[in-house]
Amino acid sequence: MKKSFIITLILTSLISLNSCTDLTENVLDEASATGLTDKQAADGNIAPVYARLPDLFTHTNYFAIQEISTDEAILPYRGGTDWGDNGIYIALHQHTHTSTDPNIRNTWLVLAQGISRAVTALNTLPTIKDSNAKIYIAEARGMRAYYNMLMLDLFGLVFVKEDAEAVSQILRGEQALEYVKNELLAVEPDLLTTVGPGRLTKGAVWGLLARLYLNAAVYRDRFATQFTFKPEDMDKVVEYSDKIISSNQYQLSKDYFSIFNDNNHDNKELIFAVDQRAELNGHNRLAYFSISGDQFPLPAFPAANGTDGPAITPDFYRTWVNAYAPNDPAGVDPRFYKKNMTIPADSCMAASDIVMDRGILRGQQYGLLRVNGAFVRCGNNYRVGKLFYVTRNRPTLPVSFPEQVDFSVAGSNYNTGYRVLKYEFGKKSQSGRNLGDADIAIVRLADVYLMRAEAKLRKGNDAASALADVNTVRASRTSGAPALTSMNLDLLLRERGFELYWEMVRRSDLVRFGKYEGTWTEKTNADKLKRVFPIPQTAIDGASNLPGYLKQNEGY
């Protein structure tokens, strides 16, 4: 029975597997299943534990609830016809979301499935006689802790489960925090350092522990008027950050946007990331989500375009302007914008020269011109020029992004708001949505420096060292941003925004800094109970046969 179970698991999971470093995908048929090796069985049990990460880090799951709920991103009802979705994105931004929100529900489901798959692997791997089994057990246990860490951050609880057939125990507050911490500490000795960012390594666990300790005050007392950051917690943030930095295994990238290129798997700034190299579950949605439906980045694929999704808020944009006035931030900070293509009006360009600009996109956009579903050619080259909203049947509306974006009719037009193209548009993406090869950063070295700086500031006795950490990050980029001369928590939060925008950490940052109840764009809700999301109603209904087992979060 056990062997049959293992074979079934491999057959059903590997088809949807997103490749993990050194884990070979073997799709086995009935004939070959009887000859299953221990290595194939071990690989087939750990791989599904990672396989849902690409689904978690999509535009309408983790990204939506971590970014659109903050002062960084806003998604209006575009043109009155697109992204309405029964008002869920407006509600997320205004903090009026409910327990029936599908993005919240889907994020919960992916996390729950990740925990379940980890438990299944932990129940099976000890029976497999493969040399990698001990490492895989540590990875599965660590990934269970990571999924639970996200559950704790988003929903205020964790699920403790050892036996796949048992009912999970639910922990909250201090108990939940201690559980995640102890699980990560338990697996660290057995993890490797040499398997790349797509698998859980010692460095990844050090980064997650630093993040956990940094947010410990929030997790202990979620709705506190003022969080108490214990000095011993901040010492641990520094300790684990030091481990990463002093390991010399990771490096700050000189080219900021190369961290987000579609060939970034070997970028030494990545410590832990969603591995998207395989053409299975890899997606391109973090690239296509924000840009215009009339921006077509790939000459080879006339159906690969943007979707006119979220823009950055004027509030977030103004943090850049205020930091660098009277200069344009694009000319001062290499993290704001990278110009890749200069297009005179109505030019002809070779396909290899057509590369979209990156970062925060403002004003009139230029690119490939498309007529009747095909790009306009000039011999072997392509016609490029000023873009209009042809795909939206508004051919007189220029694809020109203004700063203003809000939920008014004018502010919700297709073109409103500055857009973000941080992750490179995948070169294989035939639809704009699929086949993204860029690994998605979960923990990277710049974040580690900034976490260490924040911990030093919160201890209140090492502002000079915190300033040095921040300036190390700023100076590391080619034509780096000018050094700062002072440092405090407000500047540190601003710096985290400049470095980590669009990377799905903003909500957690705002909560920790006491800013999540603030006002931005059209959001005025100051209810501190919104610091956690509601448990999906479907989950509560599904547990209804266990009275009192799954209690809804306060305020929902």
Protein backbone atom coordinates (compact mmCIF):
# COMPACT_ATOMS: atom_id res chain seq x y z
CA MET A 1 0.00 0.00 0.00
CA LYS A 2 2.80 2.42 0.92
CA LYS A 3 4.60 1.89 -2.38
CA SER A 4 1.35 2.33 -4.27
CA PHE A 5 0.70 5.57 -2.39
CA ILE A 6 4.14 6.92 -3.28
CA ILE A 7 3.69 6.08 -6.94
CA THR A 8 0.27 7.72 -7.03
CA LEU A 9 1.66 10.86 -5.39
CA ILE A 10 4.42 11.14 -7.97
CA LEU A 11 2.12 10.59 -10.91
CA THR A 12 -0.35 13.21 -9.75
CA SER A 13 2.08 15.86 -8.52
CA LEU A 14 5.00 15.92 -10.89
CA ILE A 15 2.92 16.91 -13.88
CA SER A 16 2.32 20.28 -12.21
CA LEU A 17 5.75 20.48 -10.61
CA ASN A 18 7.73 23.68 -10.81
CA SER A 19 11.36 22.58 -11.08
CA CYS A 20 13.52 22.68 -7.98
CA THR A 21 17.30 22.75 -8.17
CA ASP A 22 18.70 19.24 -8.63
CA LEU A 23 15.26 17.66 -8.38
CA THR A 24 14.72 15.76 -11.61
CA GLU A 25 11.18 15.47 -12.89
CA ASN A 26 10.23 11.90 -13.78
CA VAL A 27 6.74 11.41 -15.18
CA LEU A 28 6.23 7.68 -14.78
CA ASP A 29 3.73 5.44 -16.51
CA GLU A 30 2.27 2.21 -15.15
CA ALA A 31 5.00 0.09 -16.70
CA SER A 32 7.90 2.04 -15.23
CA ALA A 33 6.28 2.57 -11.86
CA THR A 34 7.18 -0.93 -10.70
CA GLY A 35 10.85 -0.05 -11.17
CA LEU A 36 10.67 3.14 -9.11
CA THR A 37 14.04 3.92 -7.51
CA ASP A 38 14.49 5.30 -4.01
CA LYS A 39 15.81 8.53 -5.52
CA GLN A 40 12.74 8.92 -7.72
CA ALA A 41 10.50 8.27 -4.73
CA ALA A 42 12.36 10.81 -2.59
CA ASP A 43 12.36 13.46 -5.32
CA GLY A 44 8.70 12.81 -6.00
CA ASN A 45 7.79 13.51 -2.38
CA ILE A 46 9.70 16.74 -1.83
CA ALA A 47 8.90 18.32 -5.19
CA PRO A 48 5.16 18.85 -4.53
CA VAL A 49 6.03 20.72 -1.33
CA TYR A 50 7.53 23.49 -3.47
CA ALA A 51 5.15 23.15 -6.40
CA ARG A 52 2.47 25.59 -5.19
CA LEU A 53 4.88 28.49 -4.65
CA PRO A 54 4.38 29.90 -8.18
CA ASP A 55 0.61 29.82 -7.60
CA LEU A 56 0.99 31.58 -4.27
CA PHE A 57 3.13 34.35 -5.75
CA THR A 58 0.68 35.40 -8.44
CA HIS A 59 -0.88 38.75 -9.11
CA THR A 60 -4.31 37.88 -7.70
CA ASN A 61 -3.15 35.91 -4.66
CA TYR A 62 -0.30 36.96 -2.40
CA PHE A 63 0.61 40.02 -4.48
CA ALA A 64 -2.91 41.41 -4.36
CA ILE A 65 -3.37 41.14 -0.62
CA GLN A 66 0.16 42.28 0.24
CA GLU A 67 0.37 45.21 -2.19
CA ILE A 68 -3.07 46.43 -3.24
CA SER A 69 -4.05 46.69 0.43
CA THR A 70 -1.26 49.25 0.94
CA ASP A 71 -0.06 52.68 -0.09
CA GLU A 72 2.06 51.20 -2.89
CA ALA A 73 -0.56 49.84 -5.29
CA ILE A 74 -4.10 50.60 -6.37
CA LEU A 75 -6.31 48.80 -8.90
CA PRO A 76 -9.35 50.78 -10.00
CA TYR A 77 -12.27 49.59 -12.10
CA ARG A 78 -10.48 50.19 -15.39
CA GLY A 79 -12.65 52.00 -17.91
CA GLY A 80 -15.71 50.81 -16.02
CA THR A 81 -15.36 47.39 -17.64
CA ASP A 82 -12.13 45.73 -16.42
CA TRP A 83 -10.93 44.63 -12.99
CA GLY A 84 -14.29 45.41 -11.41
CA ASP A 85 -14.60 41.87 -10.01
CA ASN A 86 -17.46 42.84 -7.71
CA GLY A 87 -15.37 45.54 -6.09
CA ILE A 88 -12.82 43.24 -4.44
CA TYR A 89 -9.76 45.30 -5.41
CA ILE A 90 -11.39 48.53 -4.30
CA ALA A 91 -12.31 46.83 -1.01
CA LEU A 92 -8.76 45.53 -0.53
CA HIS A 93 -7.34 49.00 -1.01
CA GLN A 94 -9.91 50.64 1.26
CA HIS A 95 -9.71 47.89 3.92
CA THR A 96 -13.36 46.97 3.58
CA HIS A 97 -12.73 43.41 2.36
CA THR A 98 -14.77 40.52 3.74
CA SER A 99 -14.41 36.81 4.39
CA THR A 100 -15.76 36.01 0.91
CA ASP A 101 -12.95 37.79 -0.97
CA PRO A 102 -11.69 35.26 -3.55
CA ASN A 103 -8.07 36.49 -3.49
CA ILE A 104 -7.91 36.02 0.26
CA ARG A 105 -9.60 32.62 -0.05
CA ASN A 106 -7.24 31.43 -2.78
CA THR A 107 -4.17 32.55 -0.84
CA TRP A 108 -5.43 30.64 2.20
CA LEU A 109 -6.05 27.53 0.09
CA VAL A 110 -2.58 27.55 -1.46
CA LEU A 111 -0.97 27.94 1.97
CA ALA A 112 -3.13 25.17 3.42
CA GLN A 113 -2.23 22.89 0.53
CA GLY A 114 1.45 23.69 1.02
CA ILE A 115 1.20 22.67 4.67
CA SER A 116 -0.69 19.51 3.72
CA ARG A 117 1.86 18.51 1.10
CA ALA A 118 4.67 19.07 3.57
CA VAL A 119 2.95 16.82 6.12
CA THR A 120 2.46 14.13 3.47
CA ALA A 121 6.15 14.30 2.57
CA LEU A 122 7.16 14.13 6.22
CA ASN A 123 5.04 11.02 6.69
CA THR A 124 6.55 9.27 3.67
CA LEU A 125 10.19 10.34 3.34
CA PRO A 126 11.39 8.50 6.48
CA THR A 127 10.44 5.22 4.81
CA ILE A 128 12.55 5.87 1.71
CA LYS A 129 16.16 4.67 1.69
CA ASP A 130 17.76 7.43 -0.33
CA SER A 131 20.80 9.49 0.62
CA ASN A 132 18.82 12.71 0.14
CA ALA A 133 15.94 11.68 2.40
CA LYS A 134 17.33 13.37 5.54
CA ILE A 135 17.86 16.66 3.67
CA TYR A 136 14.41 16.44 2.10
CA ILE A 137 12.83 15.84 5.50
CA ALA A 138 14.47 19.04 6.75
CA GLU A 139 13.27 20.92 3.66
CA ALA A 140 9.70 19.64 4.00
CA ARG A 141 9.60 20.53 7.68
CA GLY A 142 11.10 23.94 6.96
CA MET A 143 8.62 24.60 4.17
CA ARG A 144 5.78 23.63 6.50
CA ALA A 145 7.14 26.28 8.87
CA TYR A 146 7.39 28.82 6.05
CA TYR A 147 3.80 28.29 4.90
CA ASN A 148 2.71 28.58 8.52
CA MET A 149 4.77 31.74 8.91
CA LEU A 150 2.75 33.30 6.09
CA MET A 151 -0.46 32.02 7.71
CA LEU A 152 0.61 33.74 10.92
CA ASP A 153 1.42 37.00 9.18
CA LEU A 154 -1.74 37.11 7.08
CA PHE A 155 -4.35 35.37 9.23
CA GLY A 156 -2.92 35.33 12.75
CA LEU A 157 -2.70 31.56 13.22
CA VAL A 158 -0.71 28.43 12.42
CA PHE A 159 -1.66 24.79 11.91
CA VAL A 160 0.34 22.19 13.82
CA LYS A 161 0.04 18.79 12.20
CA GLU A 162 2.32 15.77 12.20
CA ASP A 163 0.03 12.95 11.09
CA ALA A 164 -1.64 13.34 7.71
CA GLU A 165 -4.80 11.71 9.09
CA ALA A 166 -5.00 13.82 12.26
CA VAL A 167 -6.85 17.07 12.84
CA SER A 168 -4.51 20.06 12.99
CA GLN A 169 -3.98 21.97 16.19
CA ILE A 170 -4.45 25.73 15.82
CA LEU A 171 -2.08 28.11 17.60
CA ARG A 172 -2.18 31.90 17.79
CA GLY A 173 -0.07 34.66 19.29
CA GLU A 174 3.03 33.75 21.29
CA GLN A 175 2.45 30.02 20.88
CA ALA A 176 2.26 30.34 17.10
CA LEU A 177 5.39 32.47 17.01
CA GLU A 178 7.33 29.96 19.12
CA TYR A 179 6.16 27.06 16.96
CA VAL A 180 7.41 28.61 13.72
CA LYS A 181 10.67 29.70 15.33
CA ASN A 182 11.39 26.26 16.81
CA GLU A 183 10.59 24.49 13.54
CA LEU A 184 13.00 26.68 11.59
CA LEU A 185 15.70 26.24 14.24
CA ALA A 186 15.21 22.46 14.18
CA VAL A 187 15.80 22.07 10.45
CA GLU A 188 18.70 24.50 9.97
CA PRO A 189 21.48 22.00 10.82
CA ASP A 190 20.36 19.51 8.16
CA LEU A 191 19.91 21.96 5.28
CA LEU A 192 22.44 22.48 2.53
CA THR A 193 24.15 25.67 1.40
CA THR A 194 24.80 24.69 -2.22
CA VAL A 195 21.46 24.05 -3.92
CA GLY A 196 20.54 27.55 -5.06
CA PRO A 197 17.69 29.89 -4.13
CA GLY A 198 14.88 27.61 -5.34
CA ARG A 199 15.19 25.30 -2.33
CA LEU A 200 15.25 25.91 1.38
CA THR A 201 18.87 26.34 2.52
CA LYS A 202 20.63 27.43 5.69
CA GLY A 203 20.77 30.96 4.30
CA ALA A 204 17.05 30.93 3.55
CA VAL A 205 16.25 29.83 7.10
CA TRP A 206 18.53 32.51 8.54
CA GLY A 207 16.67 35.10 6.46
CA LEU A 208 13.27 33.79 7.53
CA LEU A 209 14.33 33.76 11.18
CA ALA A 210 15.52 37.36 10.90
CA ARG A 211 12.15 38.31 9.41
CA LEU A 212 10.28 36.34 12.08
CA TYR A 213 12.12 37.99 14.97
CA LEU A 214 11.69 41.42 13.38
CA ASN A 215 7.91 40.91 13.31
CA ALA A 216 7.71 39.09 16.66
CA ALA A 217 6.22 42.11 18.42
CA VAL A 218 3.36 42.15 15.92
CA TYR A 219 2.69 38.44 16.19
CA ARG A 220 2.63 38.52 20.01
CA ASP A 221 0.17 41.40 20.30
CA ARG A 222 -1.40 42.04 16.92
CA PHE A 223 -3.67 44.92 17.88
CA ALA A 224 -1.39 46.75 20.29
CA THR A 225 -1.55 50.54 20.30
CA GLN A 226 2.24 50.46 20.17
CA PHE A 227 4.34 47.38 19.50
CA THR A 228 7.03 46.34 21.98
CA PHE A 229 10.18 45.30 20.15
CA LYS A 230 12.18 43.28 22.65
CA PRO A 231 15.95 43.92 22.59
CA GLU A 232 16.61 40.19 22.57
CA ASP A 233 14.47 39.81 19.44
CA MET A 234 16.38 42.59 17.72
CA ASP A 235 19.65 40.92 18.74
CA LYS A 236 18.45 37.78 16.94
CA VAL A 237 17.64 39.78 13.80
CA VAL A 238 21.20 41.08 13.84
CA GLU A 239 22.61 37.62 14.58
CA TYR A 240 20.91 35.91 11.65
CA SER A 241 21.55 38.82 9.32
CA ASP A 242 25.23 38.64 10.30
CA LYS A 243 25.28 34.92 9.47
CA ILE A 244 24.05 35.64 5.95
CA ILE A 245 26.31 38.60 5.31
CA SER A 246 29.45 37.04 6.78
CA SER A 247 28.91 33.77 4.88
CA ASN A 248 30.14 35.57 1.73
CA GLN A 249 27.78 33.34 -0.21
CA TYR A 250 25.60 36.22 -1.37
CA GLN A 251 26.35 39.51 -3.08
CA LEU A 252 24.45 42.73 -3.68
CA SER A 253 23.79 43.06 -7.40
CA LYS A 254 25.39 46.03 -9.14
CA ASP A 255 22.57 46.04 -11.71
CA TYR A 256 19.41 46.44 -9.64
CA PHE A 257 16.99 45.22 -12.28
CA SER A 258 19.08 42.13 -13.06
CA ILE A 259 17.76 40.78 -9.76
CA PHE A 260 14.41 40.50 -11.54
CA ASN A 261 15.54 39.39 -15.01
CA ASP A 262 14.18 36.20 -16.52
CA ASN A 263 17.63 34.58 -16.19
CA ASN A 264 18.09 35.60 -12.54
CA HIS A 265 18.32 32.15 -10.97
CA ASP A 266 22.08 32.49 -10.49
CA ASN A 267 21.94 36.08 -9.29
CA LYS A 268 23.88 36.02 -6.03
CA GLU A 269 21.58 38.48 -4.31
CA LEU A 270 18.81 35.87 -4.18
CA ILE A 271 18.78 33.87 -0.95
CA PHE A 272 15.37 32.22 -1.23
CA ALA A 273 13.11 32.49 -4.28
CA VAL A 274 10.30 30.87 -6.23
CA ASP A 275 12.12 28.77 -8.82
CA GLN A 276 10.46 29.41 -12.17
CA ARG A 277 13.03 28.04 -14.59
CA ALA A 278 10.93 25.11 -15.77
CA GLU A 279 8.15 25.63 -18.31
CA LEU A 280 5.52 24.01 -16.13
CA ASN A 281 4.10 26.26 -13.44
CA GLY A 282 6.24 29.31 -14.14
CA HIS A 283 4.21 32.43 -14.82
CA ASN A 284 4.73 35.96 -16.08
CA ARG A 285 1.95 37.64 -14.15
CA LEU A 286 4.04 39.97 -12.03
CA ALA A 287 5.36 41.48 -15.27
CA TYR A 288 2.17 41.66 -17.30
CA PHE A 289 -0.19 42.75 -14.50
CA SER A 290 0.56 46.47 -14.39
CA ILE A 291 1.52 47.44 -17.93
CA SER A 292 -0.90 48.52 -20.64
CA GLY A 293 -2.91 46.20 -22.84
CA ASP A 294 -1.30 48.00 -25.77
CA GLN A 295 2.25 47.35 -24.64
CA PHE A 296 3.56 44.29 -26.47
CA PRO A 297 7.11 43.55 -25.28
CA LEU A 298 7.89 40.55 -27.52
CA PRO A 299 8.10 40.80 -31.33
CA ALA A 300 7.77 37.00 -31.52
CA PHE A 301 4.37 36.96 -29.78
CA PRO A 302 1.67 39.43 -30.91
CA ALA A 303 -0.73 38.10 -28.22
CA ALA A 304 1.63 38.77 -25.30
CA ASN A 305 0.65 42.08 -23.72
CA GLY A 306 -0.20 43.75 -20.45
CA THR A 307 -3.53 44.01 -18.72
CA ASP A 308 -3.78 47.58 -17.36
CA GLY A 309 -3.91 46.37 -13.80
CA PRO A 310 -2.54 48.16 -10.75
CA ALA A 311 -0.69 51.45 -10.68
CA ILE A 312 1.42 52.88 -7.92
CA THR A 313 -0.40 55.40 -5.77
CA PRO A 314 0.45 59.09 -6.01
CA ASP A 315 1.27 58.85 -2.29
CA PHE A 316 4.01 56.31 -2.91
CA TYR A 317 5.32 58.18 -5.93
CA ARG A 318 5.57 61.35 -3.87
CA THR A 319 7.92 59.64 -1.41
CA TRP A 320 10.42 59.41 -4.27
CA VAL A 321 9.81 62.98 -5.40
CA ASN A 322 10.14 64.38 -1.90
CA ALA A 323 13.33 62.43 -1.27
CA TYR A 324 15.13 63.75 -4.34
CA ALA A 325 13.58 67.17 -5.07
CA PRO A 326 14.32 69.19 -7.10
CA ASN A 327 15.84 66.33 -9.12
CA ASP A 328 13.87 63.68 -10.98
CA PRO A 329 14.26 60.39 -9.08
CA ALA A 330 14.87 58.61 -12.39
CA GLY A 331 18.14 60.45 -12.71
CA VAL A 332 19.26 59.92 -9.11
CA ASP A 333 18.22 56.49 -7.91
CA PRO A 334 18.86 53.50 -10.21
CA ARG A 335 16.10 51.53 -8.50
CA PHE A 336 13.40 53.88 -9.76
CA TYR A 337 13.79 53.44 -13.50
CA LYS A 338 16.01 51.89 -16.15
CA LYS A 339 15.79 53.10 -19.73
CA ASN A 340 16.47 50.28 -22.16
CA MET A 341 15.20 51.69 -25.44
CA THR A 342 15.23 55.10 -27.09
CA ILE A 343 12.57 55.33 -29.80
CA PRO A 344 12.33 58.25 -32.18
CA ALA A 345 8.80 58.63 -33.52
CA ASP A 346 7.83 55.99 -36.10
CA SER A 347 11.13 54.15 -36.05
CA CYS A 348 12.06 50.77 -37.41
CA MET A 349 13.97 48.49 -35.05
CA ALA A 350 15.41 45.01 -35.08
CA ALA A 351 13.64 42.54 -32.81
CA SER A 352 16.71 42.16 -30.63
CA ASP A 353 16.75 45.91 -29.90
CA ILE A 354 13.16 46.03 -28.63
CA VAL A 355 13.53 45.84 -24.85
CA MET A 356 11.03 47.49 -22.54
CA ASP A 357 12.11 50.04 -19.97
CA ARG A 358 11.94 48.83 -16.37
CA GLY A 359 10.86 50.20 -13.03
CA ILE A 360 8.27 52.94 -12.66
CA LEU A 361 6.86 53.91 -16.07
CA ARG A 362 5.55 57.45 -16.53
CA GLY A 363 4.15 59.51 -19.37
CA GLN A 364 3.80 58.59 -23.03
CA GLN A 365 4.77 55.01 -23.83
CA TYR A 366 6.30 53.83 -27.08
CA GLY A 367 6.58 50.35 -28.49
CA LEU A 368 5.57 47.84 -31.12
CA LEU A 369 2.67 48.95 -33.31
CA ARG A 370 0.03 46.31 -33.93
CA VAL A 371 -2.71 46.33 -36.59
CA ASN A 372 -5.35 43.59 -36.91
CA GLY A 373 -3.47 41.33 -34.53
CA ALA A 374 -0.11 41.57 -36.29
CA PHE A 375 2.88 43.80 -35.74
CA VAL A 376 3.64 46.36 -38.43
CA ARG A 377 6.83 45.40 -40.24
CA CYS A 378 9.38 47.35 -42.21
CA GLY A 379 11.34 44.72 -44.04
CA ASN A 380 12.96 42.46 -41.47
CA ASN A 381 12.44 45.02 -38.73
CA TYR A 382 9.46 46.21 -36.72
CA ARG A 383 7.69 49.54 -36.66
CA VAL A 384 7.69 51.18 -33.25
CA GLY A 385 6.07 54.41 -32.20
CA LYS A 386 3.65 56.21 -29.92
CA LEU A 387 1.09 53.85 -28.43
CA PHE A 388 -2.68 54.28 -28.21
CA TYR A 389 -5.41 52.17 -26.61
CA VAL A 390 -6.33 50.29 -29.76
CA THR A 391 -7.00 47.02 -27.93
CA ARG A 392 -9.55 48.80 -25.73
CA ASN A 393 -11.34 50.30 -28.76
CA ARG A 394 -10.14 53.75 -27.71
CA PRO A 395 -7.68 54.50 -30.50
CA THR A 396 -7.50 58.21 -29.67
CA LEU A 397 -6.51 57.63 -26.03
CA PRO A 398 -2.70 57.66 -25.77
CA VAL A 399 -0.93 55.11 -23.61
CA SER A 400 0.37 57.97 -21.54
CA PHE A 401 0.50 57.33 -17.81
CA PRO A 402 -0.33 60.31 -15.55
CA GLU A 403 0.33 60.41 -11.82
CA GLN A 404 -3.35 60.59 -10.91
CA VAL A 405 -5.18 57.34 -10.24
CA ASP A 406 -8.16 56.81 -7.98
CA PHE A 407 -11.61 55.25 -7.95
CA SER A 408 -13.37 58.15 -9.67
CA VAL A 409 -14.46 57.73 -13.29
CA ALA A 410 -11.60 59.89 -14.53
CA GLY A 411 -9.08 58.27 -12.23
CA SER A 412 -10.11 54.79 -13.30
CA ASN A 413 -9.47 55.27 -16.99
CA TYR A 414 -7.24 52.69 -18.68
CA ASN A 415 -4.22 54.96 -18.80
CA THR A 416 -4.30 56.43 -15.29
CA GLY A 417 -1.49 55.96 -12.82
CA TYR A 418 2.22 55.30 -13.13
CA ARG A 419 2.92 51.63 -13.80
CA VAL A 420 5.54 49.18 -12.60
CA LEU A 421 7.56 46.77 -14.71
CA LYS A 422 10.03 45.39 -12.20
CA TYR A 423 10.20 41.73 -13.19
CA GLU A 424 11.37 41.26 -16.75
CA PHE A 425 8.65 40.31 -19.20
CA GLY A 426 9.45 36.65 -19.92
CA LYS A 427 10.89 36.11 -23.38
CA LYS A 428 8.87 32.91 -23.89
CA SER A 429 5.51 34.28 -22.77
CA GLN A 430 3.06 33.73 -25.61
CA SER A 431 0.08 35.22 -23.80
CA GLY A 432 1.64 37.62 -21.34
CA ARG A 433 0.51 35.41 -18.47
CA ASN A 434 2.40 32.18 -18.98
CA LEU A 435 5.99 30.96 -19.18
CA GLY A 436 7.78 33.43 -16.97
CA ASP A 437 11.31 32.32 -16.18
CA ALA A 438 12.17 34.97 -13.58
CA ASP A 439 12.62 33.56 -10.10
CA ILE A 440 10.48 35.55 -7.66
CA ALA A 441 12.44 36.85 -4.69
CA ILE A 442 11.27 35.77 -1.23
CA VAL A 443 14.42 36.74 0.70
CA ARG A 444 17.33 38.64 -0.85
CA LEU A 445 20.47 40.21 0.51
CA ALA A 446 19.40 43.86 0.35
CA ASP A 447 16.40 43.02 2.55
CA VAL A 448 18.78 41.38 5.04
CA TYR A 449 20.86 44.56 5.29
CA LEU A 450 17.69 46.61 5.79
CA MET A 451 16.33 44.22 8.42
CA ARG A 452 19.62 44.46 10.31
CA ALA A 453 19.49 48.26 10.08
CA GLU A 454 15.93 48.32 11.41
CA ALA A 455 16.79 46.05 14.32
CA LYS A 456 19.69 48.32 15.29
CA LEU A 457 17.41 51.36 15.15
CA ARG A 458 14.75 49.69 17.25
CA LYS A 459 17.33 48.92 19.92
CA GLY A 460 18.06 52.64 19.92
CA ASN A 461 21.81 52.48 20.35
CA ASP A 462 23.37 52.08 16.90
CA ALA A 463 21.95 54.55 14.40
CA ALA A 464 25.37 55.03 12.81
CA SER A 465 25.69 51.33 12.01
CA ALA A 466 22.10 51.27 10.70
CA LEU A 467 22.94 54.20 8.42
CA ALA A 468 25.99 52.31 7.17
CA ASP A 469 23.85 49.28 6.29
CA VAL A 470 21.38 51.39 4.34
CA ASN A 471 24.15 53.21 2.51
CA THR A 472 25.82 49.90 1.67
CA VAL A 473 22.69 48.91 -0.23
CA ARG A 474 22.34 52.30 -1.91
CA ALA A 475 25.97 52.40 -3.02
CA SER A 476 26.01 48.82 -4.31
CA ARG A 477 24.09 49.59 -7.48
CA THR A 478 25.81 50.94 -10.56
CA SER A 479 25.50 54.73 -10.39
CA GLY A 480 24.15 54.17 -6.90
CA ALA A 481 21.85 56.51 -5.06
CA PRO A 482 23.64 59.21 -3.04
CA ALA A 483 24.56 58.33 0.52
CA LEU A 484 22.20 59.40 3.26
CA THR A 485 23.59 61.44 6.16
CA SER A 486 21.16 60.39 8.88
CA MET A 487 18.86 57.49 9.68
CA ASN A 488 15.67 57.00 11.67
CA LEU A 489 12.71 54.64 11.45
CA ASP A 490 10.72 56.85 9.07
CA LEU A 491 13.66 57.03 6.68
CA LEU A 492 14.20 53.30 7.03
CA LEU A 493 10.59 52.59 6.03
CA ARG A 494 11.01 54.93 3.07
CA GLU A 495 14.19 53.11 2.09
CA ARG A 496 12.45 49.74 2.28
CA GLY A 497 9.85 51.14 -0.10
CA PHE A 498 12.51 52.28 -2.56
CA GLU A 499 14.37 48.98 -2.46
CA LEU A 500 11.54 46.45 -2.12
CA TYR A 501 8.54 47.98 -3.89
CA TRP A 502 6.29 45.48 -5.68
CA GLU A 503 7.97 42.57 -3.81
CA MET A 504 5.05 41.69 -1.54
CA VAL A 505 6.44 42.91 1.77
CA ARG A 506 4.68 46.28 2.00
CA ARG A 507 1.65 45.29 4.08
CA SER A 508 3.80 43.52 6.65
CA ASP A 509 6.12 46.54 6.78
CA LEU A 510 3.30 49.04 7.27
CA VAL A 511 1.77 46.99 10.08
CA ARG A 512 5.14 46.70 11.86
CA PHE A 513 5.84 50.42 11.49
CA GLY A 514 2.35 51.37 12.75
CA LYS A 515 1.35 52.89 9.41
CA TYR A 516 -1.28 50.46 8.17
CA GLU A 517 -4.13 52.50 9.61
CA GLY A 518 -2.95 55.54 7.66
CA THR A 519 -4.68 57.41 4.84
CA TRP A 520 -3.71 57.14 1.18
CA THR A 521 -5.43 57.70 -2.18
CA GLU A 522 -9.07 57.01 -1.24
CA LYS A 523 -8.35 54.80 1.76
CA THR A 524 -9.37 56.30 5.12
CA ASN A 525 -10.23 53.19 7.15
CA ALA A 526 -8.25 53.23 10.41
CA ASP A 527 -9.58 49.99 11.89
CA LYS A 528 -6.66 48.18 13.54
CA LEU A 529 -8.53 44.88 13.26
CA LYS A 530 -7.69 44.96 9.55
CA ARG A 531 -4.07 44.15 10.43
CA VAL A 532 -5.07 40.55 9.79
CA PHE A 533 -7.23 39.22 7.01
CA PRO A 534 -10.46 37.33 7.59
CA ILE A 535 -10.41 33.57 7.59
CA PRO A 536 -12.27 32.60 4.41
CA GLN A 537 -15.88 31.76 5.08
CA THR A 538 -15.52 28.58 3.05
CA ALA A 539 -12.84 27.37 5.49
CA ILE A 540 -15.04 28.09 8.49
CA ASP A 541 -17.99 26.37 6.80
CA GLY A 542 -15.81 23.37 6.00
CA ALA A 543 -14.89 23.01 9.66
CA SER A 544 -18.46 23.37 10.88
CA ASN A 545 -18.59 19.74 12.01
CA LEU A 546 -15.94 20.65 14.63
CA PRO A 547 -17.66 23.31 16.78
CA GLY A 548 -15.32 26.05 17.91
CA TYR A 549 -12.36 24.68 15.94
CA LEU A 550 -11.85 27.53 13.46
CA LYS A 551 -12.88 30.88 14.90
CA GLN A 552 -13.19 33.95 12.67
CA ASN A 553 -10.77 36.78 13.30
CA GLU A 554 -12.16 39.68 15.30
CA GLY A 555 -13.83 42.38 13.23
CA TYR A 556 -15.05 40.15 10.39
